[in-house]
């Protein structure tokens, strides 16, 4: 095994075993495997595993995520089933089985996607911990294990979004950042194409009809030969919402004005959204 956690971590270490699984080992466990960590009950034996390596747990993962973001079960299972080593990749935070022979308990979930035009970055999405375990440090353990998982695979920066947990992520070392484009299921869109679609559509200048010039012995073809009857052109597509097209307001130095209390960015529904990033 190789230790991936912070050597100054007071409660334990994140360890990568030869099979690629991440384990959280308490310091007391490392000193004596039979002892328990009294100061942090419940953290012993936590693992973070790719969901596609544990297909028997996909149902439990779907139930956990749907508690926070309701969606059809079939659609959720399809999304989880797309997880792969080539990204996007779904990760499950697992606790020990409640009884011998039972399945591991799904305690949390996160998803990692590649980022367009940033080869060494990943976008963290769908971060959720079981409601009964919130406020007990499991969210922090999930994020630390997710960061260690990404770092062990050569990535150096993580991005994420949140509507109301910006203070939690700031406590973990994340800072306010700018929007990035996550690549979903081997999307082939380039950053230049995505950038083009993010700009307001320009209105083309109307073309005036060419004047009919008569010469001796000829007549205006526009009037005498209108040409074949063509069907009318289809109407243009409706414009995107203004908040989707309009860039955020810029400060005098040219950067978006934002803080942990206010953000210039909005999601597709118009709700404030905080973009955050961290070097790992």
Protein backbone atom coordinates (compact mmCIF):
# COMPACT_ATOMS: atom_id res chain seq x y z
CA UNK A 1 0.00 0.00 0.00
CA UNK A 2 1.05 3.61 -0.52
CA UNK A 3 0.00 6.46 1.75
CA UNK A 4 -1.69 9.31 -0.14
CA UNK A 5 -3.04 11.36 2.73
CA UNK A 6 -1.58 14.44 4.35
CA UNK A 7 1.21 13.33 6.72
CA UNK A 8 -0.05 15.97 9.16
CA UNK A 9 -3.58 14.52 9.17
CA UNK A 10 -4.44 14.02 12.84
CA UNK A 11 -6.98 11.24 12.51
CA UNK A 12 -5.49 8.91 9.91
CA UNK A 13 -4.16 8.39 6.41
CA UNK A 14 -5.59 7.76 2.93
CA UNK A 15 -3.90 4.63 1.58
CA UNK A 16 -3.92 3.23 -1.98
CA UNK A 17 -3.73 -0.56 -2.07
CA UNK A 18 -2.26 -2.60 -4.99
CA UNK A 19 -5.74 -3.03 -6.49
CA UNK A 20 -6.24 0.73 -6.78
CA UNK A 21 -8.70 1.02 -3.87
CA UNK A 22 -8.46 3.91 -1.44
CA UNK A 23 -8.70 3.15 2.28
CA UNK A 24 -8.96 5.50 5.22
CA UNK A 25 -6.88 4.02 8.06
CA UNK A 26 -7.00 5.58 11.49
CA UNK A 27 -3.70 6.18 13.21
CA UNK A 28 -4.77 3.92 16.04
CA UNK A 29 -5.46 1.16 13.53
CA UNK A 30 -2.00 1.59 12.07
CA UNK A 31 -0.50 1.35 15.58
CA UNK A 32 -2.58 -1.66 16.55
CA UNK A 33 -5.03 -3.16 14.09
CA UNK A 34 -7.27 -4.45 16.85
CA UNK A 35 -7.81 -1.03 18.42
CA UNK A 36 -10.60 1.40 17.55
CA UNK A 37 -10.46 5.13 16.91
CA UNK A 38 -12.44 6.54 19.79
CA UNK A 39 -12.07 10.16 18.70
CA UNK A 40 -13.56 9.53 15.22
CA UNK A 41 -16.07 6.71 15.45
CA UNK A 42 -17.35 5.34 12.16
CA UNK A 43 -14.33 6.19 9.97
CA UNK A 44 -12.55 2.86 10.22
CA UNK A 45 -12.52 0.79 7.06
CA UNK A 46 -13.92 3.42 4.69
CA UNK A 47 -13.08 2.78 1.03
CA UNK A 48 -13.58 4.77 -2.16
CA UNK A 49 -14.18 2.56 -5.19
CA UNK A 50 -15.16 3.19 -8.83
CA UNK A 51 -18.84 2.35 -9.25
CA UNK A 52 -18.24 0.36 -12.43
CA UNK A 53 -16.10 -2.07 -10.43
CA UNK A 54 -18.96 -2.67 -8.01
CA UNK A 55 -22.03 -3.15 -10.23
CA UNK A 56 -23.89 -4.83 -7.37
CA UNK A 57 -23.94 -1.44 -5.60
CA UNK A 58 -25.35 0.65 -8.45
CA UNK A 59 -28.91 0.41 -7.11
CA UNK A 60 -27.80 1.73 -3.74
CA UNK A 61 -25.85 4.54 -5.43
CA UNK A 62 -28.90 5.50 -7.48
CA UNK A 63 -31.08 5.61 -4.35
CA UNK A 64 -28.56 7.78 -2.51
CA UNK A 65 -28.26 10.31 -5.36
CA UNK A 66 -32.01 10.40 -6.01
CA UNK A 67 -32.63 11.35 -2.39
CA UNK A 68 -30.87 14.63 -3.15
CA UNK A 69 -31.67 15.12 -6.84
CA UNK A 70 -34.84 13.16 -7.79
CA UNK A 71 -34.70 11.61 -11.24
CA UNK A 72 -36.14 8.53 -12.90
CA UNK A 73 -34.45 5.40 -11.63
CA UNK A 74 -33.77 4.11 -15.14
CA UNK A 75 -32.09 7.38 -16.13
CA UNK A 76 -29.99 7.44 -12.96
CA UNK A 77 -28.85 3.84 -13.40
CA UNK A 78 -27.99 4.54 -17.04
CA UNK A 79 -25.82 7.49 -15.99
CA UNK A 80 -24.05 5.42 -13.32
CA UNK A 81 -23.57 2.62 -15.83
CA UNK A 82 -21.55 4.97 -18.06
CA UNK A 83 -18.78 5.19 -15.46
CA UNK A 84 -15.41 4.03 -16.78
CA UNK A 85 -11.69 4.41 -16.22
CA UNK A 86 -11.55 6.80 -19.18
CA UNK A 87 -14.02 9.21 -17.50
CA UNK A 88 -16.54 10.27 -16.50
CA UNK A 89 -16.00 8.09 -13.47
CA UNK A 90 -18.39 7.60 -10.55
CA UNK A 91 -16.92 6.94 -7.11
CA UNK A 92 -18.71 5.37 -4.15
CA UNK A 93 -17.68 5.95 -0.55
CA UNK A 94 -18.24 2.58 1.12
CA UNK A 95 -18.49 1.49 4.71
CA UNK A 96 -17.94 -2.05 5.97
CA UNK A 97 -20.79 -4.55 5.45
CA UNK A 98 -23.35 -4.41 8.29
CA UNK A 99 -23.13 -8.19 8.68
CA UNK A 100 -20.98 -11.06 7.37
CA UNK A 101 -21.83 -11.82 3.75
CA UNK A 102 -23.76 -8.56 3.24
CA UNK A 103 -22.90 -5.88 0.68
CA UNK A 104 -20.84 -2.86 1.61
CA UNK A 105 -22.84 0.17 2.71
CA UNK A 106 -22.91 3.10 0.26
CA UNK A 107 -22.25 6.21 2.34
CA UNK A 108 -21.43 8.79 -0.33
CA UNK A 109 -20.84 9.44 -4.02
CA UNK A 110 -18.85 11.75 -6.27
CA UNK A 111 -18.26 11.89 -10.01
CA UNK A 112 -15.17 12.99 -11.94
CA UNK A 113 -15.22 14.29 -15.52
CA UNK A 114 -12.47 15.54 -17.81
CA UNK A 115 -12.32 19.27 -18.49
CA UNK A 116 -12.19 20.72 -22.00
CA UNK A 117 -8.84 22.38 -22.84
CA UNK A 118 -7.40 21.45 -19.41
CA UNK A 119 -5.60 18.13 -19.66
CA UNK A 120 -4.63 17.94 -15.98
CA UNK A 121 -7.96 19.04 -14.51
CA UNK A 122 -11.12 17.21 -13.46
CA UNK A 123 -14.62 18.45 -12.71
CA UNK A 124 -16.14 17.10 -9.48
CA UNK A 125 -19.90 16.61 -9.68
CA UNK A 126 -22.79 14.90 -7.86
CA UNK A 127 -21.14 15.04 -4.44
CA UNK A 128 -23.53 13.62 -1.85
CA UNK A 129 -23.37 11.93 1.56
CA UNK A 130 -26.17 9.94 3.17
CA UNK A 131 -28.41 12.34 5.06
CA UNK A 132 -28.08 10.46 8.35
CA UNK A 133 -24.29 10.96 8.24
CA UNK A 134 -24.12 14.66 7.42
CA UNK A 135 -22.35 16.95 9.85
CA UNK A 136 -20.15 14.11 11.12
CA UNK A 137 -17.12 14.55 8.85
CA UNK A 138 -18.05 12.09 6.13
CA UNK A 139 -18.33 14.85 3.51
CA UNK A 140 -14.77 15.88 4.26
CA UNK A 141 -13.59 12.27 4.03
CA UNK A 142 -15.37 11.86 0.70
CA UNK A 143 -13.71 14.96 -0.76
CA UNK A 144 -10.25 14.06 0.60
CA UNK A 145 -10.51 10.57 -0.87
CA UNK A 146 -11.77 11.97 -4.20
CA UNK A 147 -8.81 14.36 -4.34
CA UNK A 148 -6.36 11.57 -3.53
CA UNK A 149 -7.94 9.37 -6.21
CA UNK A 150 -7.50 12.11 -8.83
CA UNK A 151 -3.97 13.00 -7.74
CA UNK A 152 -2.88 9.34 -7.88
CA UNK A 153 -3.88 9.35 -11.56
CA UNK A 154 -1.80 12.40 -12.47
CA UNK A 155 -4.37 15.20 -12.25
CA UNK A 156 -3.36 18.44 -10.57
CA UNK A 157 -6.49 20.58 -10.31
CA UNK A 158 -10.14 20.03 -9.43
CA UNK A 159 -13.12 22.21 -10.30
CA UNK A 160 -16.63 22.09 -8.88
CA UNK A 161 -19.84 24.07 -8.55
CA UNK A 162 -22.16 24.63 -5.63
CA UNK A 163 -25.29 26.61 -4.91
CA UNK A 164 -24.93 26.89 -1.13
CA UNK A 165 -21.92 24.87 0.15
CA UNK A 166 -19.22 27.34 -0.82
CA UNK A 167 -18.10 27.81 2.80
CA UNK A 168 -17.69 24.05 3.27
CA UNK A 169 -15.50 23.80 0.17
CA UNK A 170 -13.54 26.92 1.12
CA UNK A 171 -12.72 25.22 4.43
CA UNK A 172 -11.27 22.33 2.40
CA UNK A 173 -8.99 24.69 0.47
CA UNK A 174 -11.11 25.48 -2.58
CA UNK A 175 -11.07 29.01 -3.97
CA UNK A 176 -13.48 30.89 -6.19
CA UNK A 177 -12.78 30.28 -9.87
CA UNK A 178 -14.17 30.63 -13.35
CA UNK A 179 -16.50 28.31 -15.30
CA UNK A 180 -15.05 25.33 -17.14
CA UNK A 181 -16.65 22.82 -19.51
CA UNK A 182 -16.85 19.23 -18.36
CA UNK A 183 -16.69 16.56 -21.04
CA UNK A 184 -19.63 14.18 -20.71
CA UNK A 185 -19.25 10.62 -21.97
CA UNK A 186 -16.48 11.14 -24.55
CA UNK A 187 -17.87 14.39 -25.92
CA UNK A 188 -15.93 15.53 -28.98
CA UNK A 189 -16.77 19.24 -28.64
CA UNK A 190 -13.69 21.44 -28.63
CA UNK A 191 -13.25 24.45 -26.40
CA UNK A 192 -13.46 26.79 -29.42
CA UNK A 193 -16.86 25.38 -30.37
CA UNK A 194 -18.11 25.64 -26.79
CA UNK A 195 -16.83 29.21 -26.59
CA UNK A 196 -18.63 30.11 -29.80
CA UNK A 197 -21.92 28.83 -28.42
CA UNK A 198 -21.46 30.83 -25.21
CA UNK A 199 -21.37 34.16 -27.04
CA UNK A 200 -24.46 36.19 -27.91
CA UNK A 201 -25.63 35.49 -31.41
CA UNK A 202 -24.97 38.41 -33.74
CA UNK A 203 -27.83 39.66 -35.86
CA UNK A 204 -26.88 39.62 -39.55
CA UNK A 205 -27.37 42.82 -41.44
CA UNK A 206 -30.37 42.66 -43.78
CA UNK A 207 -29.44 42.43 -47.43
CA UNK A 208 -31.11 44.89 -49.73
CA UNK A 209 -32.42 43.52 -53.02
CA UNK A 210 -30.10 44.11 -55.93
CA UNK A 211 -31.37 46.97 -58.09
CA UNK A 212 -32.67 45.95 -61.47
CA UNK A 213 -30.61 47.55 -64.18
CA UNK A 214 -32.25 47.80 -67.56
CA UNK A 215 -30.31 47.90 -70.72
CA UNK A 216 -31.53 48.62 -74.20
CA UNK A 217 -33.61 45.75 -75.55
CA UNK A 218 -33.92 44.01 -72.12
CA UNK A 219 -36.33 44.08 -69.24
CA UNK A 220 -35.94 43.57 -65.51
CA UNK A 221 -35.72 39.82 -64.94
CA UNK A 222 -36.77 40.24 -61.31
CA UNK A 223 -40.18 41.48 -62.38
CA UNK A 224 -40.76 39.46 -65.54
CA UNK A 225 -39.27 36.10 -64.37
CA UNK A 226 -39.76 35.66 -60.63
CA UNK A 227 -38.36 32.09 -60.72
CA UNK A 228 -39.81 28.89 -59.28
CA UNK A 229 -42.06 28.98 -56.23
CA UNK A 230 -39.98 27.92 -53.22
CA UNK A 231 -41.36 27.04 -49.78
CA UNK A 232 -40.88 29.74 -47.16
CA UNK A 233 -37.75 29.49 -45.04
CA UNK A 234 -38.29 28.01 -41.54
CA UNK A 235 -38.33 30.51 -38.67
CA UNK A 236 -35.06 30.96 -36.74
CA UNK A 237 -34.67 29.06 -33.45
CA UNK A 238 -35.65 30.95 -30.29
CA UNK A 239 -32.77 32.77 -28.58
CA UNK A 240 -31.18 31.35 -25.45
CA UNK A 241 -32.14 32.97 -22.12
CA UNK A 242 -30.37 36.23 -21.46
CA UNK A 243 -28.56 34.91 -18.37
CA UNK A 244 -27.13 32.07 -20.45
CA UNK A 245 -25.73 34.36 -23.10
CA UNK A 246 -24.68 37.40 -21.14
CA UNK A 247 -21.22 37.24 -19.57
CA UNK A 248 -20.94 38.24 -15.90
CA UNK A 249 -20.30 41.84 -15.02
CA UNK A 250 -16.61 42.70 -14.99
CA UNK A 251 -14.73 44.79 -12.47
CA UNK A 252 -12.46 47.63 -13.64
CA UNK A 253 -9.54 45.17 -13.84
CA UNK A 254 -11.51 42.80 -16.06
CA UNK A 255 -12.33 39.91 -13.68
CA UNK A 256 -15.81 38.85 -12.49
CA UNK A 257 -16.84 40.37 -9.17
CA UNK A 258 -17.46 37.51 -6.76
CA UNK A 259 -17.12 36.47 -3.14
CA UNK A 260 -18.32 33.66 -0.91
CA UNK A 261 -21.51 35.68 -0.42
CA UNK A 262 -22.16 36.78 -4.00
CA UNK A 263 -21.49 35.31 -7.42
CA UNK A 264 -22.02 36.73 -10.92
CA UNK A 265 -22.65 33.26 -12.37
CA UNK A 266 -26.04 31.62 -12.89
CA UNK A 267 -27.04 28.09 -13.79
CA UNK A 268 -29.41 27.26 -16.63
CA UNK A 269 -32.38 27.97 -14.34
CA UNK A 270 -31.06 31.38 -13.38
CA UNK A 271 -30.00 30.40 -9.85
CA UNK A 272 -26.72 31.75 -8.40
CA UNK A 273 -23.91 29.22 -8.69
CA UNK A 274 -20.38 29.34 -7.29
CA UNK A 275 -17.48 27.98 -9.34
CA UNK A 276 -14.57 26.82 -7.19
CA UNK A 277 -11.18 25.25 -7.84
CA UNK A 278 -8.25 23.70 -5.95
CA UNK A 279 -4.72 22.59 -6.72
CA UNK A 280 -4.15 19.03 -5.49
